[in-house]
Every structure is written in structure tokens, then in C-alpha cells.
Amino acid sequence: MKKAISYYMPRKAMDWDEVHYIGNPTKSAAVNSMIKATGLHDLQGSGKKSAARRAFEWEEFIMVLLATRQLFTAKVMSTLLAVMSLQWQVIGHIDDMMNLATGTVLKHEPYPFVLNIKMCWSKNIQSEQQSATQILFAAMDPVVCPILHLGIFIETVVGNTNQNISGLLNKIFSSIFFKPVLEGGLLGTPSIRKGAATFANCRGITRD
């Protein structure tokens, strides 16, 4: 809320002057003290319950992919499998996946079993130099192979693919095909990115 209000302040770059009442009031000591106290309550468990999504365990991710095949029509299934398997491999945000243009998925000349993919839209990309071409590898397991799922999606899904991925995942979580490996913690689309990052880190891959 502070950021939303601050956006419309004509002097948003200016600190708040307690004496003359000019500047950006969202930068006042009173506001920042309240936010700090609220954060402390959240940390101690006496504030609002956390809405953060925990990471998927590998077994949970596999369950979600398998459940997708049981619960949805061919078009929805193809879309969801392509989105989730690609999001896992590139460790991206769900918004990155939904804004990915299929024209940025290109053939990799030296090796026909991989693809080039270029993220032109991402929360973490601020300039063209940061939009590097990545190599997308196939997987030996067809359940998780992003190239297989992406190929099926491009070849079969026609028209609007603006699916509510979060809603589809919630349907899977409440189905008989899914059983959480860990008790507690909320699951959602961020769980895929967090799960992939944790999976890689536990196998010695650096943060970079």
C-alpha cells in the first residue's frame, strides 16, 4: 500500500519534512516505524498469517504432472504441462512462462536434441543485455521433458491459451491424485520455481 500511494506523490523522491509538511509522506518516520513494527509481528507469528508458497518436493511435482493427465481436457492438459515443465527447467516465474512468445523458441544448430530459448519478458530483465539465450535440454523421462511438452503444445493448441494456472493447480491439489509429501505450507505456482531452485541447489548447483 505504501508503494501504491507513493507512486502518485508529486514529490516522491523527496523525504517527508515533519516541520513544514512537504515532500513524500510515505517516507515519514511514522510510516516506516509502523511498517517495521508490522514486520516484527509477522516474524513473531502475531500478525497476518503468511501467504507465501513453499517449494514443491520432487515427488509432489511429479504427482502434479501425472494428475494433469487425469483431470483436464487435451487442450488444457497440453498447456499446463508445457507451462509447468518449462517453468521448472528455467526456474522462472509463472508470469515469465505466460508471456513467453513461441517465436523465441529456436532450433539449436549443433545439437538437434536441444532448443534455444530467449526470455524477452521477465521480472528480472531490465535491458536487452540481460535477455540471454538459454539452452533448453530434453529429459530422458517423458513425464518431465519440457521439449516434448512444448512441442505438443505448439503443434496442437490453437487460439487463446490464457489459462488460470493457479486455479488449475488448486483443482489438482484438492483431487484424489495429489497427496502432499510435507505437512503444512501453502502450495501454488511459485512452488514450481522454488522447488526447482531447491532441487538444483541440493545437487550442488550454485545460485548463479
C-alpha atoms as a PDB file:
ATOM      1  CA  MET A   1       0.000   0.000   0.000  1.00  0.00           C
ATOM      2  CA  LYS A   2       2.886   2.342   0.762  1.00  0.00           C
ATOM      3  CA  LYS A   3       4.365   1.812  -2.708  1.00  0.00           C
ATOM      4  CA  ALA A   4       0.978   2.293  -4.360  1.00  0.00           C
ATOM      5  CA  ILE A   5       0.366   5.603  -2.581  1.00  0.00           C
ATOM      6  CA  SER A   6       3.947   6.789  -3.085  1.00  0.00           C
ATOM      7  CA  TYR A   7       3.624   6.293  -6.855  1.00  0.00           C
ATOM      8  CA  TYR A   8       1.175   9.224  -7.069  1.00  0.00           C
ATOM      9  CA  MET A   9       3.135  11.641  -4.871  1.00  0.00           C
ATOM     10  CA  PRO A  10       4.364  14.633  -6.945  1.00  0.00           C
ATOM     11  CA  ARG A  11       7.462  14.860  -4.717  1.00  0.00           C
ATOM     12  CA  LYS A  12       8.014  11.143  -4.263  1.00  0.00           C
ATOM     13  CA  ALA A  13      11.827  11.457  -4.412  1.00  0.00           C
ATOM     14  CA  MET A  14      11.804  13.956  -1.535  1.00  0.00           C
ATOM     15  CA  ASP A  15      11.852  12.910   2.129  1.00  0.00           C
ATOM     16  CA  TRP A  16       8.978  13.997   4.347  1.00  0.00           C
ATOM     17  CA  ASP A  17       9.549  17.285   6.234  1.00  0.00           C
ATOM     18  CA  GLU A  18       7.902  16.939   9.648  1.00  0.00           C
ATOM     19  CA  VAL A  19       8.103  20.692  10.271  1.00  0.00           C
ATOM     20  CA  HIS A  20       6.778  22.146   7.026  1.00  0.00           C
ATOM     21  CA  TYR A  21       4.686  19.123   5.970  1.00  0.00           C
ATOM     22  CA  ILE A  22       6.108  18.907   2.457  1.00  0.00           C
ATOM     23  CA  GLY A  23       7.652  16.046   0.498  1.00  0.00           C
ATOM     24  CA  ASN A  24       6.565  12.438   0.317  1.00  0.00           C
ATOM     25  CA  PRO A  25       4.534  11.435   3.405  1.00  0.00           C
ATOM     26  CA  THR A  26       5.098   7.736   2.704  1.00  0.00           C
ATOM     27  CA  LYS A  27       8.757   8.364   3.625  1.00  0.00           C
ATOM     28  CA  SER A  28       7.878   9.731   7.053  1.00  0.00           C
ATOM     29  CA  ALA A  29       9.339   8.247  10.222  1.00  0.00           C
ATOM     30  CA  ALA A  30       5.847   7.394  11.485  1.00  0.00           C
ATOM     31  CA  VAL A  31       5.001   5.316   8.412  1.00  0.00           C
ATOM     32  CA  ASN A  32       8.332   3.478   8.401  1.00  0.00           C
ATOM     33  CA  SER A  33       8.087   2.754  12.143  1.00  0.00           C
ATOM     34  CA  MET A  34       4.627   1.268  11.655  1.00  0.00           C
ATOM     35  CA  ILE A  35       5.841  -0.926   8.781  1.00  0.00           C
ATOM     36  CA  LYS A  36       8.818  -2.097  10.850  1.00  0.00           C
ATOM     37  CA  ALA A  37       6.535  -2.974  13.777  1.00  0.00           C
ATOM     38  CA  THR A  38       4.157  -4.827  11.444  1.00  0.00           C
ATOM     39  CA  GLY A  39       7.057  -6.845  10.030  1.00  0.00           C
ATOM     40  CA  LEU A  40       8.110  -7.773  13.563  1.00  0.00           C
ATOM     41  CA  HIS A  41       4.601  -9.028  14.326  1.00  0.00           C
ATOM     42  CA  ASP A  42       4.669 -11.141  11.159  1.00  0.00           C
ATOM     43  CA  LEU A  43       8.037 -12.603  12.157  1.00  0.00           C
ATOM     44  CA  GLN A  44       6.821 -13.472  15.665  1.00  0.00           C
ATOM     45  CA  GLY A  45       3.609 -15.031  14.393  1.00  0.00           C
ATOM     46  CA  SER A  46       1.313 -12.452  15.967  1.00  0.00           C
ATOM     47  CA  GLY A  47       0.486 -10.674  12.714  1.00  0.00           C
ATOM     48  CA  LYS A  48      -1.194 -11.692   9.488  1.00  0.00           C
ATOM     49  CA  LYS A  49      -0.760 -15.325   8.558  1.00  0.00           C
ATOM     50  CA  SER A  50       1.897 -15.766   5.861  1.00  0.00           C
ATOM     51  CA  ALA A  51       0.589 -16.325   2.327  1.00  0.00           C
ATOM     52  CA  ALA A  52       3.992 -17.389   0.983  1.00  0.00           C
ATOM     53  CA  ARG A  53       4.041 -20.614  -1.037  1.00  0.00           C
ATOM     54  CA  ARG A  54       6.542 -23.287  -0.060  1.00  0.00           C
ATOM     55  CA  ALA A  55       8.707 -25.168  -2.536  1.00  0.00           C
ATOM     56  CA  PHE A  56       7.468 -28.302  -4.263  1.00  0.00           C
ATOM     57  CA  GLU A  57       9.161 -31.523  -3.315  1.00  0.00           C
ATOM     58  CA  TRP A  58      10.241 -33.505  -6.388  1.00  0.00           C
ATOM     59  CA  GLU A  59       7.629 -36.188  -5.660  1.00  0.00           C
ATOM     60  CA  GLU A  60       4.901 -33.553  -5.418  1.00  0.00           C
ATOM     61  CA  PHE A  61       5.869 -32.032  -8.754  1.00  0.00           C
ATOM     62  CA  ILE A  62       5.692 -35.453 -10.427  1.00  0.00           C
ATOM     63  CA  MET A  63       2.269 -36.017  -8.839  1.00  0.00           C
ATOM     64  CA  VAL A  64       1.020 -32.721 -10.270  1.00  0.00           C
ATOM     65  CA  LEU A  65       2.237 -33.608 -13.771  1.00  0.00           C
ATOM     66  CA  LEU A  66       0.595 -37.032 -13.630  1.00  0.00           C
ATOM     67  CA  ALA A  67      -2.640 -35.637 -12.175  1.00  0.00           C
ATOM     68  CA  THR A  68      -2.831 -33.123 -15.031  1.00  0.00           C
ATOM     69  CA  ARG A  69      -3.210 -36.027 -17.459  1.00  0.00           C
ATOM     70  CA  GLN A  70      -6.170 -37.367 -15.486  1.00  0.00           C
ATOM     71  CA  LEU A  71      -8.153 -34.232 -14.768  1.00  0.00           C
ATOM     72  CA  PHE A  72      -8.188 -31.981 -17.827  1.00  0.00           C
ATOM     73  CA  THR A  73      -9.121 -31.878 -21.491  1.00  0.00           C
ATOM     74  CA  ALA A  74      -6.392 -32.280 -24.126  1.00  0.00           C
ATOM     75  CA  LYS A  75      -6.019 -28.513 -24.711  1.00  0.00           C
ATOM     76  CA  VAL A  76      -5.802 -27.597 -21.026  1.00  0.00           C
ATOM     77  CA  MET A  77      -3.539 -30.559 -20.321  1.00  0.00           C
ATOM     78  CA  SER A  78      -1.112 -29.611 -23.124  1.00  0.00           C
ATOM     79  CA  THR A  79      -0.972 -26.004 -21.944  1.00  0.00           C
ATOM     80  CA  LEU A  80      -0.468 -26.843 -18.281  1.00  0.00           C
ATOM     81  CA  LEU A  81       2.210 -29.481 -18.905  1.00  0.00           C
ATOM     82  CA  ALA A  82       4.165 -27.146 -21.202  1.00  0.00           C
ATOM     83  CA  VAL A  83       3.990 -24.267 -18.726  1.00  0.00           C
ATOM     84  CA  MET A  84       4.954 -26.296 -15.656  1.00  0.00           C
ATOM     85  CA  SER A  85       7.755 -28.360 -17.192  1.00  0.00           C
ATOM     86  CA  LEU A  86       9.297 -25.271 -18.812  1.00  0.00           C
ATOM     87  CA  GLN A  87       8.953 -23.217 -15.626  1.00  0.00           C
ATOM     88  CA  TRP A  88      10.725 -25.965 -13.679  1.00  0.00           C
ATOM     89  CA  GLN A  89      13.671 -26.169 -16.080  1.00  0.00           C
ATOM     90  CA  VAL A  90      14.309 -22.418 -16.457  1.00  0.00           C
ATOM     91  CA  ILE A  91      13.447 -21.778 -12.766  1.00  0.00           C
ATOM     92  CA  GLY A  92      11.197 -18.906 -13.843  1.00  0.00           C
ATOM     93  CA  HIS A  93       8.180 -17.030 -12.537  1.00  0.00           C
ATOM     94  CA  ILE A  94       4.760 -18.066 -13.781  1.00  0.00           C
ATOM     95  CA  ASP A  95       4.378 -14.639 -15.419  1.00  0.00           C
ATOM     96  CA  ASP A  96       7.561 -15.316 -17.410  1.00  0.00           C
ATOM     97  CA  MET A  97       6.036 -18.501 -18.787  1.00  0.00           C
ATOM     98  CA  MET A  98       2.663 -16.965 -19.671  1.00  0.00           C
ATOM     99  CA  ASN A  99       4.351 -14.118 -21.590  1.00  0.00           C
ATOM    100  CA  LEU A 100       6.780 -16.353 -23.482  1.00  0.00           C
ATOM    101  CA  ALA A 101       6.394 -15.997 -27.231  1.00  0.00           C
ATOM    102  CA  THR A 102       6.726 -19.280 -29.126  1.00  0.00           C
ATOM    103  CA  GLY A 103       8.745 -17.358 -31.738  1.00  0.00           C
ATOM    104  CA  THR A 104      11.580 -17.072 -29.196  1.00  0.00           C
ATOM    105  CA  VAL A 105      11.921 -20.872 -29.083  1.00  0.00           C
ATOM    106  CA  LEU A 106      14.537 -21.635 -31.745  1.00  0.00           C
ATOM    107  CA  LYS A 107      16.428 -24.565 -33.206  1.00  0.00           C
ATOM    108  CA  HIS A 108      19.876 -25.234 -31.753  1.00  0.00           C
ATOM    109  CA  GLU A 109      22.072 -25.831 -34.789  1.00  0.00           C
ATOM    110  CA  PRO A 110      24.901 -28.048 -33.430  1.00  0.00           C
ATOM    111  CA  TYR A 111      22.662 -30.421 -31.451  1.00  0.00           C
ATOM    112  CA  PRO A 112      19.135 -31.368 -32.596  1.00  0.00           C
ATOM    113  CA  PHE A 113      18.137 -32.732 -29.179  1.00  0.00           C
ATOM    114  CA  VAL A 114      18.156 -29.280 -27.526  1.00  0.00           C
ATOM    115  CA  LEU A 115      16.494 -25.939 -28.257  1.00  0.00           C
ATOM    116  CA  ASN A 116      17.450 -22.306 -27.808  1.00  0.00           C
ATOM    117  CA  ILE A 117      15.052 -20.183 -25.794  1.00  0.00           C
ATOM    118  CA  LYS A 118      15.194 -16.436 -25.224  1.00  0.00           C
ATOM    119  CA  MET A 119      13.397 -14.800 -22.318  1.00  0.00           C
ATOM    120  CA  CYS A 120      12.439 -11.375 -23.680  1.00  0.00           C
ATOM    121  CA  TRP A 121       9.953 -10.714 -20.872  1.00  0.00           C
ATOM    122  CA  SER A 122      10.780 -11.310 -17.235  1.00  0.00           C
ATOM    123  CA  LYS A 123      10.509  -9.556 -13.896  1.00  0.00           C
ATOM    124  CA  ASN A 124      14.288  -9.847 -13.594  1.00  0.00           C
ATOM    125  CA  ILE A 125      15.174  -8.487 -17.045  1.00  0.00           C
ATOM    126  CA  GLN A 126      15.645  -4.723 -17.327  1.00  0.00           C
ATOM    127  CA  SER A 127      17.721  -4.463 -20.523  1.00  0.00           C
ATOM    128  CA  GLU A 128      18.381  -6.361 -23.758  1.00  0.00           C
ATOM    129  CA  GLN A 129      21.808  -7.415 -22.480  1.00  0.00           C
ATOM    130  CA  GLN A 130      20.140  -9.339 -19.645  1.00  0.00           C
ATOM    131  CA  SER A 131      17.951 -11.279 -22.085  1.00  0.00           C
ATOM    132  CA  ALA A 132      20.420 -14.045 -22.815  1.00  0.00           C
ATOM    133  CA  THR A 133      19.739 -17.064 -24.995  1.00  0.00           C
ATOM    134  CA  GLN A 134      19.397 -20.186 -22.887  1.00  0.00           C
ATOM    135  CA  ILE A 135      19.785 -23.817 -23.917  1.00  0.00           C
ATOM    136  CA  LEU A 136      16.715 -25.925 -23.239  1.00  0.00           C
ATOM    137  CA  PHE A 137      17.608 -29.577 -22.678  1.00  0.00           C
ATOM    138  CA  ALA A 138      15.371 -32.565 -23.231  1.00  0.00           C
ATOM    139  CA  ALA A 139      14.812 -35.083 -20.441  1.00  0.00           C
ATOM    140  CA  MET A 140      15.064 -38.862 -20.593  1.00  0.00           C
ATOM    141  CA  ASP A 141      11.788 -39.061 -18.649  1.00  0.00           C
ATOM    142  CA  PRO A 142       8.814 -38.026 -20.866  1.00  0.00           C
ATOM    143  CA  VAL A 143       6.824 -37.050 -17.760  1.00  0.00           C
ATOM    144  CA  VAL A 144       9.058 -34.028 -17.129  1.00  0.00           C
ATOM    145  CA  CYS A 145      10.526 -33.333 -20.595  1.00  0.00           C
ATOM    146  CA  PRO A 146       9.981 -29.632 -21.418  1.00  0.00           C
ATOM    147  CA  ILE A 147      10.837 -30.035 -25.123  1.00  0.00           C
ATOM    148  CA  LEU A 148       8.288 -32.826 -25.553  1.00  0.00           C
ATOM    149  CA  HIS A 149       5.542 -30.853 -23.773  1.00  0.00           C
ATOM    150  CA  LEU A 150       6.417 -27.617 -25.555  1.00  0.00           C
ATOM    151  CA  GLY A 151       6.373 -29.363 -28.926  1.00  0.00           C
ATOM    152  CA  ILE A 152       2.950 -30.898 -28.268  1.00  0.00           C
ATOM    153  CA  PHE A 153       1.629 -27.530 -27.129  1.00  0.00           C
ATOM    154  CA  ILE A 154       2.883 -25.666 -30.221  1.00  0.00           C
ATOM    155  CA  GLU A 155       1.574 -28.338 -32.596  1.00  0.00           C
ATOM    156  CA  THR A 156      -1.855 -28.885 -31.044  1.00  0.00           C
ATOM    157  CA  VAL A 157      -3.066 -25.858 -29.079  1.00  0.00           C
ATOM    158  CA  VAL A 158      -4.691 -23.209 -31.270  1.00  0.00           C
ATOM    159  CA  GLY A 159      -6.252 -19.930 -30.151  1.00  0.00           C
ATOM    160  CA  ASN A 160      -6.343 -18.282 -26.739  1.00  0.00           C
ATOM    161  CA  THR A 161      -4.165 -20.065 -24.182  1.00  0.00           C
ATOM    162  CA  ASN A 162      -4.646 -17.595 -21.344  1.00  0.00           C
ATOM    163  CA  GLN A 163      -5.328 -20.235 -18.708  1.00  0.00           C
ATOM    164  CA  ASN A 164      -5.750 -19.595 -14.996  1.00  0.00           C
ATOM    165  CA  ILE A 165      -2.805 -21.770 -13.989  1.00  0.00           C
ATOM    166  CA  SER A 166      -3.273 -21.044 -10.300  1.00  0.00           C
ATOM    167  CA  GLY A 167      -6.900 -22.183 -10.441  1.00  0.00           C
ATOM    168  CA  LEU A 168      -5.942 -25.348 -12.315  1.00  0.00           C
ATOM    169  CA  LEU A 169      -3.301 -26.179  -9.722  1.00  0.00           C
ATOM    170  CA  ASN A 170      -5.795 -25.711  -6.895  1.00  0.00           C
ATOM    171  CA  LYS A 171      -8.071 -28.202  -8.619  1.00  0.00           C
ATOM    172  CA  ILE A 172      -5.197 -30.696  -8.682  1.00  0.00           C
ATOM    173  CA  PHE A 173      -4.364 -30.109  -5.017  1.00  0.00           C
ATOM    174  CA  SER A 174      -7.943 -30.888  -3.992  1.00  0.00           C
ATOM    175  CA  SER A 175      -8.156 -34.029  -6.148  1.00  0.00           C
ATOM    176  CA  ILE A 176      -7.577 -37.665  -5.196  1.00  0.00           C
ATOM    177  CA  PHE A 177      -4.465 -37.709  -7.397  1.00  0.00           C
ATOM    178  CA  PHE A 178      -2.431 -35.428  -5.126  1.00  0.00           C
ATOM    179  CA  LYS A 179      -1.133 -36.044  -1.615  1.00  0.00           C
ATOM    180  CA  PRO A 180       1.356 -33.583  -0.065  1.00  0.00           C
ATOM    181  CA  VAL A 181       4.704 -35.036   0.914  1.00  0.00           C
ATOM    182  CA  LEU A 182       5.204 -32.406   3.605  1.00  0.00           C
ATOM    183  CA  GLU A 183       2.579 -31.314   6.104  1.00  0.00           C
ATOM    184  CA  GLY A 184       1.834 -27.616   6.306  1.00  0.00           C
ATOM    185  CA  GLY A 185       2.734 -24.772   3.997  1.00  0.00           C
ATOM    186  CA  LEU A 186       0.763 -23.392   1.078  1.00  0.00           C
ATOM    187  CA  LEU A 187       1.324 -24.544  -2.494  1.00  0.00           C
ATOM    188  CA  GLY A 188       0.844 -22.612  -5.729  1.00  0.00           C
ATOM    189  CA  THR A 189       2.559 -21.526  -8.931  1.00  0.00           C
ATOM    190  CA  PRO A 190       5.580 -20.063  -7.023  1.00  0.00           C
ATOM    191  CA  SER A 191       6.137 -23.567  -5.607  1.00  0.00           C
ATOM    192  CA  ILE A 192       7.384 -24.724  -9.021  1.00  0.00           C
ATOM    193  CA  ARG A 193      10.109 -22.072  -9.219  1.00  0.00           C
ATOM    194  CA  LYS A 194      11.084 -22.546  -5.575  1.00  0.00           C
ATOM    195  CA  GLY A 195      11.069 -26.328  -5.938  1.00  0.00           C
ATOM    196  CA  ALA A 196      13.307 -26.244  -8.997  1.00  0.00           C
ATOM    197  CA  ALA A 197      15.757 -23.853  -7.323  1.00  0.00           C
ATOM    198  CA  THR A 198      15.886 -26.016  -4.190  1.00  0.00           C
ATOM    199  CA  PHE A 199      16.254 -29.189  -6.266  1.00  0.00           C
ATOM    200  CA  ALA A 200      19.224 -27.711  -8.154  1.00  0.00           C
ATOM    201  CA  ASN A 201      20.850 -26.227  -5.056  1.00  0.00           C
ATOM    202  CA  CYS A 202      20.684 -29.536  -3.164  1.00  0.00           C
ATOM    203  CA  ARG A 203      22.638 -31.117  -6.030  1.00  0.00           C
ATOM    204  CA  GLY A 204      25.497 -28.636  -5.841  1.00  0.00           C
ATOM    205  CA  ILE A 205      24.386 -26.072  -8.434  1.00  0.00           C
ATOM    206  CA  THR A 206      25.415 -22.553  -7.397  1.00  0.00           C
ATOM    207  CA  ARG A 207      22.918 -19.719  -7.067  1.00  0.00           C
ATOM    208  CA  ASP A 208      24.328 -18.069 -10.205  1.00  0.00           C
END
